[in-house]
Structures are given as C-alpha cells and as structure tokens.
Amino acid sequence: MVLQGDYLTANKFIALLSRDQLANRDIFDIWFILKHHRPINKTHIEAITNKSFQTYILEMIQFLEHLGTNYKILDGLGTTLDEKQKAFVKAHLISETLFLLHSLV
C-alpha cells in the first residue's frame, strides 16, 4: 500500500504536536507544504487528533508562538541546509510558518 500525498502531509501536521520531542524538520516541512500549496487531508487530521481541523491548526499556532525568539530552530536542520537556507530558517521560518497557518483558519 502507498499513502496518498495528502495523507503524508496530514501526518506531518500531526507529528508536530504528537512527538515526545519537537523535530525542527516538522516545522520546515509544514512551511514547505503550505508554501507550495500541497494538499492536506483534513479528515485524516480530524480522525487521528479527535479535533476539528481548525482547532488543531490553532493549537499548532499556539505551540509555535510559544517557542520564542531564542529557540534554536537550526538544531537537527543545519547539516541538511546550505548557508542561504540556514539564514532563512533562522530569521524567518517560524514567522512564515505561523503566517501560513493563520491563512488556514
């Protein structure tokens, strides 16, 4: 069985709040998914989280807002990015991800 792309993107959204420890790659992947208008299976998110899609997105926003400006966003990402990408991630990844998430609610 092969998962549809919209299930894969939904699982990335679910992973952000369900891991024992935050994986910065999840933030990067969510930004990428939203920036490139990839389809998201909202029904799958609702079924797994037992929350409405809008409620779950609001929880994601709240979670990211609480990371703060001193959060080490490059941890776990630094070796996979070039210098230009590192500069973007450090300066803008969380704020741009938040902006894109707000566009969903």
N, C-alpha and C. Protein backbone atom coordinates (compact mmCIF):
# COMPACT_ATOMS: atom_id res chain seq x y z
N MET A 1 0.83 -1.17 0.00
CA MET A 1 0.00 0.00 0.00
C MET A 1 0.88 1.24 0.00
N VAL A 2 0.51 2.23 -0.79
CA VAL A 2 1.22 3.50 -0.87
C VAL A 2 0.29 4.60 -0.38
N LEU A 3 0.79 5.41 0.55
CA LEU A 3 -0.03 6.50 1.05
C LEU A 3 -0.16 7.61 0.02
N GLN A 4 -1.33 8.19 -0.06
CA GLN A 4 -1.55 9.35 -0.91
C GLN A 4 -0.79 10.54 -0.34
N GLY A 5 -0.43 11.46 -1.20
CA GLY A 5 0.32 12.64 -0.78
C GLY A 5 -0.38 13.45 0.29
N ASP A 6 -1.71 13.56 0.21
CA ASP A 6 -2.43 14.36 1.20
C ASP A 6 -2.42 13.70 2.58
N TYR A 7 -2.27 12.37 2.63
CA TYR A 7 -2.13 11.69 3.92
C TYR A 7 -0.73 11.94 4.49
N LEU A 8 0.26 11.96 3.63
CA LEU A 8 1.63 12.23 4.09
C LEU A 8 1.74 13.63 4.68
N THR A 9 1.14 14.61 4.00
CA THR A 9 1.19 15.97 4.52
C THR A 9 0.40 16.07 5.83
N ALA A 10 -0.74 15.40 5.90
CA ALA A 10 -1.53 15.41 7.14
C ALA A 10 -0.72 14.81 8.28
N ASN A 11 -0.01 13.73 8.02
CA ASN A 11 0.80 13.10 9.07
C ASN A 11 1.93 14.01 9.54
N LYS A 12 2.45 14.84 8.66
CA LYS A 12 3.49 15.79 9.07
C LYS A 12 2.89 16.83 10.01
N PHE A 13 1.66 17.27 9.74
CA PHE A 13 0.98 18.20 10.64
C PHE A 13 0.76 17.55 12.01
N ILE A 14 0.32 16.31 11.99
CA ILE A 14 0.07 15.57 13.23
C ILE A 14 1.36 15.39 14.02
N ALA A 15 2.46 15.14 13.34
CA ALA A 15 3.74 14.89 14.00
C ALA A 15 4.20 16.09 14.82
N LEU A 16 3.89 17.29 14.37
CA LEU A 16 4.37 18.48 15.07
C LEU A 16 3.99 18.46 16.54
N LEU A 17 2.77 18.07 16.85
CA LEU A 17 2.28 18.11 18.23
C LEU A 17 2.28 16.76 18.93
N SER A 18 2.60 15.71 18.22
CA SER A 18 2.49 14.39 18.84
C SER A 18 3.83 13.73 19.20
N ARG A 19 4.92 14.29 18.76
CA ARG A 19 6.23 13.71 19.11
C ARG A 19 6.56 14.00 20.57
N ASP A 20 7.36 13.11 21.16
CA ASP A 20 7.83 13.35 22.53
C ASP A 20 8.72 14.58 22.58
N GLN A 21 9.52 14.78 21.54
CA GLN A 21 10.38 15.95 21.43
C GLN A 21 10.15 16.58 20.07
N LEU A 22 10.12 17.91 20.04
CA LEU A 22 9.92 18.64 18.79
C LEU A 22 11.04 18.32 17.81
N ALA A 23 10.67 18.03 16.58
CA ALA A 23 11.64 17.85 15.50
C ALA A 23 11.52 19.08 14.59
N ASN A 24 12.58 19.86 14.53
CA ASN A 24 12.54 21.09 13.74
C ASN A 24 12.23 20.83 12.27
N ARG A 25 12.55 19.65 11.81
CA ARG A 25 12.24 19.32 10.42
C ARG A 25 10.73 19.34 10.18
N ASP A 26 9.93 19.07 11.22
CA ASP A 26 8.48 19.14 11.06
C ASP A 26 8.03 20.56 10.74
N ILE A 27 8.64 21.53 11.42
CA ILE A 27 8.30 22.94 11.14
C ILE A 27 8.69 23.28 9.71
N PHE A 28 9.88 22.88 9.31
CA PHE A 28 10.34 23.16 7.95
C PHE A 28 9.41 22.49 6.93
N ASP A 29 9.06 21.24 7.17
CA ASP A 29 8.19 20.51 6.24
C ASP A 29 6.80 21.13 6.16
N ILE A 30 6.26 21.59 7.29
CA ILE A 30 4.94 22.23 7.28
C ILE A 30 5.01 23.53 6.49
N TRP A 31 6.07 24.30 6.70
CA TRP A 31 6.26 25.53 5.91
C TRP A 31 6.29 25.19 4.42
N PHE A 32 7.06 24.18 4.05
CA PHE A 32 7.19 23.78 2.65
C PHE A 32 5.83 23.36 2.08
N ILE A 33 5.10 22.55 2.81
CA ILE A 33 3.79 22.07 2.37
C ILE A 33 2.86 23.25 2.10
N LEU A 34 2.82 24.18 3.03
CA LEU A 34 1.92 25.32 2.88
C LEU A 34 2.40 26.30 1.81
N LYS A 35 3.69 26.53 1.77
CA LYS A 35 4.27 27.46 0.78
C LYS A 35 4.01 26.98 -0.64
N HIS A 36 4.03 25.68 -0.84
CA HIS A 36 3.87 25.11 -2.17
C HIS A 36 2.46 24.56 -2.42
N HIS A 37 1.54 24.94 -1.54
CA HIS A 37 0.12 24.61 -1.71
C HIS A 37 -0.13 23.12 -1.92
N ARG A 38 0.56 22.29 -1.14
CA ARG A 38 0.35 20.85 -1.21
C ARG A 38 -0.99 20.50 -0.56
N PRO A 39 -1.69 19.51 -1.08
CA PRO A 39 -2.98 19.13 -0.47
C PRO A 39 -2.77 18.50 0.91
N ILE A 40 -3.72 18.76 1.80
CA ILE A 40 -3.68 18.22 3.17
C ILE A 40 -4.99 17.51 3.42
N ASN A 41 -4.92 16.30 3.89
CA ASN A 41 -6.14 15.54 4.18
C ASN A 41 -6.65 15.95 5.56
N LYS A 42 -7.56 16.92 5.56
CA LYS A 42 -8.10 17.46 6.80
C LYS A 42 -8.87 16.40 7.58
N THR A 43 -9.57 15.54 6.88
CA THR A 43 -10.36 14.49 7.53
C THR A 43 -9.45 13.54 8.30
N HIS A 44 -8.30 13.24 7.74
CA HIS A 44 -7.34 12.36 8.42
C HIS A 44 -6.84 13.01 9.72
N ILE A 45 -6.53 14.29 9.66
CA ILE A 45 -6.08 15.01 10.86
C ILE A 45 -7.17 14.96 11.92
N GLU A 46 -8.40 15.21 11.52
CA GLU A 46 -9.52 15.19 12.46
C GLU A 46 -9.73 13.80 13.07
N ALA A 47 -9.58 12.77 12.26
CA ALA A 47 -9.78 11.40 12.75
C ALA A 47 -8.69 11.00 13.74
N ILE A 48 -7.47 11.39 13.48
CA ILE A 48 -6.35 10.99 14.33
C ILE A 48 -6.32 11.82 15.62
N THR A 49 -6.61 13.12 15.52
CA THR A 49 -6.48 14.00 16.68
C THR A 49 -7.78 14.15 17.48
N ASN A 50 -8.89 13.71 16.91
CA ASN A 50 -10.21 13.90 17.53
C ASN A 50 -10.52 15.37 17.77
N LYS A 51 -10.03 16.22 16.87
CA LYS A 51 -10.27 17.66 16.92
C LYS A 51 -10.63 18.14 15.53
N SER A 52 -11.36 19.24 15.46
CA SER A 52 -11.64 19.82 14.15
C SER A 52 -10.32 20.30 13.56
N PHE A 53 -10.26 20.38 12.25
CA PHE A 53 -9.06 20.85 11.58
C PHE A 53 -8.69 22.25 12.08
N GLN A 54 -9.67 23.12 12.18
CA GLN A 54 -9.42 24.49 12.63
C GLN A 54 -8.86 24.51 14.05
N THR A 55 -9.42 23.72 14.95
CA THR A 55 -8.92 23.66 16.32
C THR A 55 -7.48 23.17 16.34
N TYR A 56 -7.19 22.15 15.55
CA TYR A 56 -5.83 21.61 15.52
C TYR A 56 -4.84 22.66 14.99
N ILE A 57 -5.23 23.37 13.95
CA ILE A 57 -4.35 24.41 13.39
C ILE A 57 -4.11 25.49 14.44
N LEU A 58 -5.14 25.88 15.17
CA LEU A 58 -4.98 26.88 16.22
C LEU A 58 -4.03 26.39 17.31
N GLU A 59 -4.07 25.11 17.63
CA GLU A 59 -3.12 24.54 18.60
C GLU A 59 -1.70 24.56 18.06
N MET A 60 -1.54 24.30 16.77
CA MET A 60 -0.22 24.37 16.14
C MET A 60 0.32 25.80 16.23
N ILE A 61 -0.55 26.77 15.94
CA ILE A 61 -0.15 28.18 16.00
C ILE A 61 0.29 28.53 17.41
N GLN A 62 -0.50 28.17 18.39
CA GLN A 62 -0.17 28.46 19.78
C GLN A 62 1.16 27.82 20.18
N PHE A 63 1.36 26.58 19.77
CA PHE A 63 2.60 25.87 20.06
C PHE A 63 3.81 26.61 19.49
N LEU A 64 3.72 27.00 18.22
CA LEU A 64 4.84 27.68 17.57
C LEU A 64 5.08 29.06 18.16
N GLU A 65 4.01 29.75 18.54
CA GLU A 65 4.16 31.08 19.14
C GLU A 65 4.90 31.01 20.47
N HIS A 66 4.77 29.91 21.18
CA HIS A 66 5.42 29.78 22.47
C HIS A 66 6.89 29.36 22.39
N LEU A 67 7.38 29.10 21.20
CA LEU A 67 8.79 28.71 21.08
C LEU A 67 9.72 29.88 21.41
N GLY A 68 9.30 31.08 21.10
CA GLY A 68 10.10 32.25 21.44
C GLY A 68 11.20 32.54 20.45
N THR A 69 11.76 33.71 20.57
CA THR A 69 12.78 34.17 19.62
C THR A 69 14.15 33.55 19.86
N ASN A 70 14.38 33.00 21.02
CA ASN A 70 15.67 32.38 21.32
C ASN A 70 15.70 30.88 21.01
N TYR A 71 14.62 30.37 20.44
CA TYR A 71 14.54 28.95 20.13
C TYR A 71 15.60 28.57 19.08
N LYS A 72 16.26 27.45 19.29
CA LYS A 72 17.33 27.00 18.39
C LYS A 72 16.74 26.21 17.22
N ILE A 73 16.20 26.92 16.25
CA ILE A 73 15.50 26.32 15.12
C ILE A 73 16.42 25.51 14.20
N LEU A 74 17.70 25.79 14.20
CA LEU A 74 18.61 25.07 13.31
C LEU A 74 19.01 23.69 13.84
N ASP A 75 18.74 23.41 15.11
CA ASP A 75 19.09 22.09 15.66
C ASP A 75 18.41 21.00 14.85
N GLY A 76 19.20 20.10 14.31
CA GLY A 76 18.66 19.00 13.52
C GLY A 76 18.44 19.34 12.06
N LEU A 77 18.58 20.60 11.70
CA LEU A 77 18.40 21.01 10.30
C LEU A 77 19.71 21.48 9.67
N GLY A 78 20.60 21.96 10.48
CA GLY A 78 21.80 22.62 9.98
C GLY A 78 22.60 21.84 8.96
N THR A 79 22.70 20.53 9.12
CA THR A 79 23.53 19.74 8.21
C THR A 79 22.84 19.49 6.87
N THR A 80 21.55 19.75 6.77
CA THR A 80 20.82 19.48 5.53
C THR A 80 20.60 20.74 4.70
N LEU A 81 20.99 21.89 5.21
CA LEU A 81 20.72 23.16 4.54
C LEU A 81 22.01 23.85 4.14
N ASP A 82 21.93 24.62 3.03
CA ASP A 82 23.08 25.44 2.67
C ASP A 82 23.02 26.74 3.47
N GLU A 83 24.01 27.58 3.33
CA GLU A 83 24.11 28.80 4.16
C GLU A 83 22.92 29.75 3.94
N LYS A 84 22.48 29.89 2.71
CA LYS A 84 21.34 30.77 2.41
C LYS A 84 20.07 30.23 3.09
N GLN A 85 19.88 28.93 3.01
CA GLN A 85 18.72 28.31 3.64
C GLN A 85 18.79 28.43 5.16
N LYS A 86 19.97 28.25 5.72
CA LYS A 86 20.15 28.40 7.17
C LYS A 86 19.76 29.81 7.62
N ALA A 87 20.18 30.81 6.85
CA ALA A 87 19.86 32.20 7.20
C ALA A 87 18.34 32.42 7.17
N PHE A 88 17.67 31.86 6.15
CA PHE A 88 16.21 31.98 6.07
C PHE A 88 15.55 31.29 7.25
N VAL A 89 15.96 30.08 7.54
CA VAL A 89 15.35 29.31 8.63
C VAL A 89 15.51 30.05 9.95
N LYS A 90 16.70 30.54 10.22
CA LYS A 90 16.97 31.22 11.48
C LYS A 90 16.16 32.51 11.61
N ALA A 91 16.04 33.25 10.52
CA ALA A 91 15.39 34.56 10.59
C ALA A 91 13.88 34.51 10.37
N HIS A 92 13.39 33.55 9.58
CA HIS A 92 12.01 33.66 9.11
C HIS A 92 11.15 32.41 9.20
N LEU A 93 11.72 31.24 9.44
CA LEU A 93 10.93 30.02 9.31
C LEU A 93 9.70 30.00 10.22
N ILE A 94 9.87 30.30 11.48
CA ILE A 94 8.74 30.23 12.39
C ILE A 94 7.70 31.30 12.05
N SER A 95 8.13 32.52 11.80
CA SER A 95 7.17 33.59 11.49
C SER A 95 6.42 33.31 10.19
N GLU A 96 7.10 32.80 9.18
CA GLU A 96 6.43 32.49 7.92
C GLU A 96 5.50 31.29 8.06
N THR A 97 5.90 30.31 8.84
CA THR A 97 5.04 29.15 9.08
C THR A 97 3.78 29.60 9.82
N LEU A 98 3.94 30.46 10.80
CA LEU A 98 2.78 31.00 11.52
C LEU A 98 1.85 31.77 10.59
N PHE A 99 2.41 32.59 9.74
CA PHE A 99 1.60 33.35 8.77
C PHE A 99 0.79 32.40 7.88
N LEU A 100 1.43 31.37 7.38
CA LEU A 100 0.75 30.42 6.50
C LEU A 100 -0.30 29.61 7.27
N LEU A 101 -0.02 29.25 8.50
CA LEU A 101 -1.02 28.53 9.30
C LEU A 101 -2.23 29.42 9.58
N HIS A 102 -2.00 30.69 9.85
CA HIS A 102 -3.11 31.61 10.08
C HIS A 102 -4.01 31.72 8.85
N SER A 103 -3.44 31.52 7.69
CA SER A 103 -4.26 31.60 6.46
C SER A 103 -5.23 30.42 6.34
N LEU A 104 -5.04 29.37 7.14
CA LEU A 104 -5.90 28.19 7.08
C LEU A 104 -7.14 28.31 7.99
N VAL A 105 -7.13 29.28 8.90
CA VAL A 105 -8.26 29.42 9.85
C VAL A 105 -9.06 30.67 9.59
